[in-house]
Amino acid sequence: MQNTAVYPGTFDPITYGHTDLIERASHIFDRIIIGIATSPNKKPLFSLEERIELVTSTVHNPNVEVLGFDNLLLDFAKQHRANVILRGLRAVADFDYEFQLASMNRFMHPDIETIFLMPAEKYMYISSSLVREIAALKGDVTGFVPGIVVQALHKKYPF
């Protein structure tokens, strides 16, 4: 059986914390599907198509695929024959929410496991929402996101 993980998120925008997790997970799993959620309730800065393009342009691992989805994560995972949901934990504050999600998912689909990875310490403080806020206030985000994302943010928030 192939070990396939779904790494879900809005990736609005993709950060070095995300790419760190993807790179490390690519050595653990045979296949990783980065599932980019439409997330209309979060009011993303970038459209789903833009987020897919930015992630695809940023991640170059041969065992990683980037797909958008607008249904229940567990249904998306089953549709793509994933047996693992990969979640990132930056801080203890993330754990309560992630634990609740993992428990709910296990109740609904006990055959799909949730695995948590932490980004490297140098990326633990980075969040997409903070990056968007810094960019909106004309701050320098080059240390938090890949160059193509910096360019995309400058188009949304011209200097």
C-alpha atoms as a PDB file:
ATOM      1  CA  MET A   1       0.000   0.000   0.000  1.00  0.00           C
ATOM      2  CA  GLN A   2       1.292   3.413  -0.945  1.00  0.00           C
ATOM      3  CA  ASN A   3       1.529   5.926   1.916  1.00  0.00           C
ATOM      4  CA  THR A   4      -0.240   9.012   0.650  1.00  0.00           C
ATOM      5  CA  ALA A   5      -0.661  12.115   2.788  1.00  0.00           C
ATOM      6  CA  VAL A   6      -2.923  15.070   2.220  1.00  0.00           C
ATOM      7  CA  TYR A   7      -1.521  18.347   3.541  1.00  0.00           C
ATOM      8  CA  PRO A   8      -4.556  20.652   3.616  1.00  0.00           C
ATOM      9  CA  GLY A   9      -4.715  24.399   4.042  1.00  0.00           C
ATOM     10  CA  THR A  10      -5.598  27.676   2.443  1.00  0.00           C
ATOM     11  CA  PHE A  11      -1.942  28.526   1.695  1.00  0.00           C
ATOM     12  CA  ASP A  12      -2.845  32.204   1.466  1.00  0.00           C
ATOM     13  CA  PRO A  13       0.069  32.680   0.926  1.00  0.00           C
ATOM     14  CA  ILE A  14       2.403  29.679   1.098  1.00  0.00           C
ATOM     15  CA  THR A  15       5.201  30.405   3.587  1.00  0.00           C
ATOM     16  CA  TYR A  16       8.630  28.979   4.312  1.00  0.00           C
ATOM     17  CA  GLY A  17       6.995  27.109   7.201  1.00  0.00           C
ATOM     18  CA  HIS A  18       4.746  25.332   4.704  1.00  0.00           C
ATOM     19  CA  THR A  19       7.592  24.551   2.304  1.00  0.00           C
ATOM     20  CA  ASP A  20       9.716  23.235   5.182  1.00  0.00           C
ATOM     21  CA  LEU A  21       6.959  20.792   6.184  1.00  0.00           C
ATOM     22  CA  ILE A  22       6.400  19.718   2.582  1.00  0.00           C
ATOM     23  CA  GLU A  23      10.099  19.098   2.014  1.00  0.00           C
ATOM     24  CA  ARG A  24      10.488  17.022   5.178  1.00  0.00           C
ATOM     25  CA  ALA A  25       7.237  15.127   4.596  1.00  0.00           C
ATOM     26  CA  SER A  26       8.331  14.274   1.040  1.00  0.00           C
ATOM     27  CA  HIS A  27      10.995  12.019   2.594  1.00  0.00           C
ATOM     28  CA  ILE A  28       8.433  10.256   4.801  1.00  0.00           C
ATOM     29  CA  PHE A  29       5.531   9.645   2.406  1.00  0.00           C
ATOM     30  CA  ASP A  30       5.451   8.065  -1.037  1.00  0.00           C
ATOM     31  CA  ARG A  31       3.047  10.726  -2.238  1.00  0.00           C
ATOM     32  CA  ILE A  32       1.867  14.060  -0.850  1.00  0.00           C
ATOM     33  CA  ILE A  33      -1.180  15.927  -2.073  1.00  0.00           C
ATOM     34  CA  ILE A  34      -1.233  19.566  -1.104  1.00  0.00           C
ATOM     35  CA  GLY A  35      -4.945  20.186  -0.815  1.00  0.00           C
ATOM     36  CA  ILE A  36      -5.740  23.857  -1.189  1.00  0.00           C
ATOM     37  CA  ALA A  37      -9.144  24.620   0.270  1.00  0.00           C
ATOM     38  CA  THR A  38     -11.391  27.194  -1.356  1.00  0.00           C
ATOM     39  CA  SER A  39     -12.128  28.592   2.143  1.00  0.00           C
ATOM     40  CA  PRO A  40     -14.545  31.384   1.147  1.00  0.00           C
ATOM     41  CA  ASN A  41     -15.326  32.066   4.825  1.00  0.00           C
ATOM     42  CA  LYS A  42     -11.679  33.034   5.393  1.00  0.00           C
ATOM     43  CA  LYS A  43     -11.850  35.553   2.545  1.00  0.00           C
ATOM     44  CA  PRO A  44      -8.471  34.669   1.044  1.00  0.00           C
ATOM     45  CA  LEU A  45      -6.338  37.374  -0.539  1.00  0.00           C
ATOM     46  CA  PHE A  46      -5.519  35.157  -3.516  1.00  0.00           C
ATOM     47  CA  SER A  47      -8.048  33.243  -5.609  1.00  0.00           C
ATOM     48  CA  LEU A  48      -7.931  29.468  -5.517  1.00  0.00           C
ATOM     49  CA  GLU A  49      -6.313  29.448  -8.955  1.00  0.00           C
ATOM     50  CA  GLU A  50      -3.645  31.941  -7.821  1.00  0.00           C
ATOM     51  CA  ARG A  51      -2.896  29.895  -4.699  1.00  0.00           C
ATOM     52  CA  ILE A  52      -2.588  26.691  -6.735  1.00  0.00           C
ATOM     53  CA  GLU A  53      -0.204  28.462  -9.134  1.00  0.00           C
ATOM     54  CA  LEU A  54       1.911  29.941  -6.309  1.00  0.00           C
ATOM     55  CA  VAL A  55       2.221  26.602  -4.511  1.00  0.00           C
ATOM     56  CA  THR A  56       2.946  24.735  -7.750  1.00  0.00           C
ATOM     57  CA  SER A  57       5.634  27.288  -8.639  1.00  0.00           C
ATOM     58  CA  THR A  58       7.184  26.977  -5.188  1.00  0.00           C
ATOM     59  CA  VAL A  59       7.203  23.229  -4.557  1.00  0.00           C
ATOM     60  CA  HIS A  60       9.346  21.100  -6.870  1.00  0.00           C
ATOM     61  CA  ASN A  61       9.286  17.653  -5.282  1.00  0.00           C
ATOM     62  CA  PRO A  62       8.420  14.865  -7.751  1.00  0.00           C
ATOM     63  CA  ASN A  63       6.162  13.084  -5.237  1.00  0.00           C
ATOM     64  CA  VAL A  64       4.086  16.196  -4.463  1.00  0.00           C
ATOM     65  CA  GLU A  65       0.871  17.111  -6.258  1.00  0.00           C
ATOM     66  CA  VAL A  66      -1.113  20.337  -5.794  1.00  0.00           C
ATOM     67  CA  LEU A  67      -4.904  20.258  -6.023  1.00  0.00           C
ATOM     68  CA  GLY A  68      -7.741  22.545  -5.010  1.00  0.00           C
ATOM     69  CA  PHE A  69     -10.816  21.272  -3.204  1.00  0.00           C
ATOM     70  CA  ASP A  70     -14.164  22.557  -1.993  1.00  0.00           C
ATOM     71  CA  ASN A  71     -15.578  19.546  -0.195  1.00  0.00           C
ATOM     72  CA  LEU A  72     -15.049  17.859   3.151  1.00  0.00           C
ATOM     73  CA  LEU A  73     -11.344  17.160   3.704  1.00  0.00           C
ATOM     74  CA  LEU A  74     -11.993  13.519   4.536  1.00  0.00           C
ATOM     75  CA  ASP A  75     -13.922  13.044   1.307  1.00  0.00           C
ATOM     76  CA  PHE A  76     -11.085  14.703  -0.613  1.00  0.00           C
ATOM     77  CA  ALA A  77      -8.566  12.395   1.096  1.00  0.00           C
ATOM     78  CA  LYS A  78     -10.606   9.277   0.314  1.00  0.00           C
ATOM     79  CA  GLN A  79     -11.122  10.433  -3.281  1.00  0.00           C
ATOM     80  CA  HIS A  80      -7.326  10.528  -3.713  1.00  0.00           C
ATOM     81  CA  ARG A  81      -6.693   7.336  -1.723  1.00  0.00           C
ATOM     82  CA  ALA A  82      -4.804   9.122   1.018  1.00  0.00           C
ATOM     83  CA  ASN A  83      -4.353   7.270   4.275  1.00  0.00           C
ATOM     84  CA  VAL A  84      -2.885  10.192   6.223  1.00  0.00           C
ATOM     85  CA  ILE A  85      -3.796  13.802   6.871  1.00  0.00           C
ATOM     86  CA  LEU A  86      -0.685  15.841   7.531  1.00  0.00           C
ATOM     87  CA  ARG A  87      -1.071  18.866   9.787  1.00  0.00           C
ATOM     88  CA  GLY A  88       1.470  21.442  10.868  1.00  0.00           C
ATOM     89  CA  LEU A  89       1.848  22.613  14.455  1.00  0.00           C
ATOM     90  CA  ARG A  90       3.681  25.872  15.092  1.00  0.00           C
ATOM     91  CA  ALA A  91       2.999  26.317  18.777  1.00  0.00           C
ATOM     92  CA  VAL A  92       1.154  24.819  21.724  1.00  0.00           C
ATOM     93  CA  ALA A  93      -1.733  27.184  20.950  1.00  0.00           C
ATOM     94  CA  ASP A  94      -2.343  25.285  17.679  1.00  0.00           C
ATOM     95  CA  PHE A  95      -2.622  21.957  19.458  1.00  0.00           C
ATOM     96  CA  ASP A  96      -6.108  22.311  20.987  1.00  0.00           C
ATOM     97  CA  TYR A  97      -7.744  23.070  17.662  1.00  0.00           C
ATOM     98  CA  GLU A  98      -5.724  20.470  15.745  1.00  0.00           C
ATOM     99  CA  PHE A  99      -6.409  17.806  18.389  1.00  0.00           C
ATOM    100  CA  GLN A 100     -10.136  18.486  18.110  1.00  0.00           C
ATOM    101  CA  LEU A 101     -10.000  18.204  14.314  1.00  0.00           C
ATOM    102  CA  ALA A 102      -7.974  15.001  14.434  1.00  0.00           C
ATOM    103  CA  SER A 103     -10.390  13.445  16.929  1.00  0.00           C
ATOM    104  CA  MET A 104     -13.400  14.393  14.841  1.00  0.00           C
ATOM    105  CA  ASN A 105     -11.759  13.060  11.686  1.00  0.00           C
ATOM    106  CA  ARG A 106     -10.841   9.778  13.384  1.00  0.00           C
ATOM    107  CA  PHE A 107     -14.438   9.351  14.540  1.00  0.00           C
ATOM    108  CA  MET A 108     -15.752   9.967  11.015  1.00  0.00           C
ATOM    109  CA  HIS A 109     -13.091   7.936   9.151  1.00  0.00           C
ATOM    110  CA  PRO A 110     -11.005   5.731  11.470  1.00  0.00           C
ATOM    111  CA  ASP A 111      -8.989   4.423   8.498  1.00  0.00           C
ATOM    112  CA  ILE A 112      -7.375   7.839   7.897  1.00  0.00           C
ATOM    113  CA  GLU A 113      -4.688   8.835  10.397  1.00  0.00           C
ATOM    114  CA  THR A 114      -3.628  12.363  11.292  1.00  0.00           C
ATOM    115  CA  ILE A 115       0.078  13.058  11.700  1.00  0.00           C
ATOM    116  CA  PHE A 116       1.494  16.308  13.036  1.00  0.00           C
ATOM    117  CA  LEU A 117       4.807  17.838  11.990  1.00  0.00           C
ATOM    118  CA  MET A 118       6.410  20.960  13.338  1.00  0.00           C
ATOM    119  CA  PRO A 119       8.307  23.315  11.053  1.00  0.00           C
ATOM    120  CA  ALA A 120      11.955  24.056  11.747  1.00  0.00           C
ATOM    121  CA  GLU A 121      12.384  26.386  14.709  1.00  0.00           C
ATOM    122  CA  LYS A 122      13.336  29.295  12.456  1.00  0.00           C
ATOM    123  CA  TYR A 123       9.886  29.116  10.812  1.00  0.00           C
ATOM    124  CA  MET A 124       7.673  28.433  13.823  1.00  0.00           C
ATOM    125  CA  TYR A 125       6.513  32.031  14.205  1.00  0.00           C
ATOM    126  CA  ILE A 126       5.500  32.510  10.557  1.00  0.00           C
ATOM    127  CA  SER A 127       1.811  32.472   9.697  1.00  0.00           C
ATOM    128  CA  SER A 128       0.086  33.353   6.459  1.00  0.00           C
ATOM    129  CA  SER A 129      -2.155  35.880   8.195  1.00  0.00           C
ATOM    130  CA  LEU A 130       0.845  37.721   9.696  1.00  0.00           C
ATOM    131  CA  VAL A 131       2.579  37.738   6.316  1.00  0.00           C
ATOM    132  CA  ARG A 132      -0.535  39.240   4.684  1.00  0.00           C
ATOM    133  CA  GLU A 133      -0.731  41.899   7.404  1.00  0.00           C
ATOM    134  CA  ILE A 134       2.936  42.847   7.044  1.00  0.00           C
ATOM    135  CA  ALA A 135       2.589  43.028   3.254  1.00  0.00           C
ATOM    136  CA  ALA A 136      -0.562  45.157   3.519  1.00  0.00           C
ATOM    137  CA  LEU A 137       1.374  47.614   5.701  1.00  0.00           C
ATOM    138  CA  LYS A 138       4.189  47.730   3.110  1.00  0.00           C
ATOM    139  CA  GLY A 139       6.592  45.709   5.250  1.00  0.00           C
ATOM    140  CA  ASP A 140       9.335  43.419   3.972  1.00  0.00           C
ATOM    141  CA  VAL A 141       8.172  39.787   3.800  1.00  0.00           C
ATOM    142  CA  THR A 142      11.193  38.369   1.955  1.00  0.00           C
ATOM    143  CA  GLY A 143      12.303  36.338   4.978  1.00  0.00           C
ATOM    144  CA  PHE A 144       8.930  34.625   5.316  1.00  0.00           C
ATOM    145  CA  VAL A 145       7.850  33.586   1.809  1.00  0.00           C
ATOM    146  CA  PRO A 146       9.507  32.537  -1.470  1.00  0.00           C
ATOM    147  CA  GLY A 147      10.367  35.242  -4.028  1.00  0.00           C
ATOM    148  CA  ILE A 148       7.445  34.453  -6.353  1.00  0.00           C
ATOM    149  CA  VAL A 149       5.086  34.969  -3.408  1.00  0.00           C
ATOM    150  CA  VAL A 150       6.750  38.277  -2.539  1.00  0.00           C
ATOM    151  CA  GLN A 151       6.090  39.413  -6.120  1.00  0.00           C
ATOM    152  CA  ALA A 152       2.456  38.277  -5.947  1.00  0.00           C
ATOM    153  CA  LEU A 153       1.971  40.128  -2.655  1.00  0.00           C
ATOM    154  CA  HIS A 154       3.462  43.296  -4.192  1.00  0.00           C
ATOM    155  CA  LYS A 155       0.867  43.080  -6.965  1.00  0.00           C
ATOM    156  CA  LYS A 156      -1.924  42.869  -4.377  1.00  0.00           C
ATOM    157  CA  TYR A 157      -0.360  45.572  -2.186  1.00  0.00           C
ATOM    158  CA  PRO A 158       1.637  47.887  -4.478  1.00  0.00           C
ATOM    159  CA  PHE A 159       4.445  49.824  -2.837  1.00  0.00           C
END
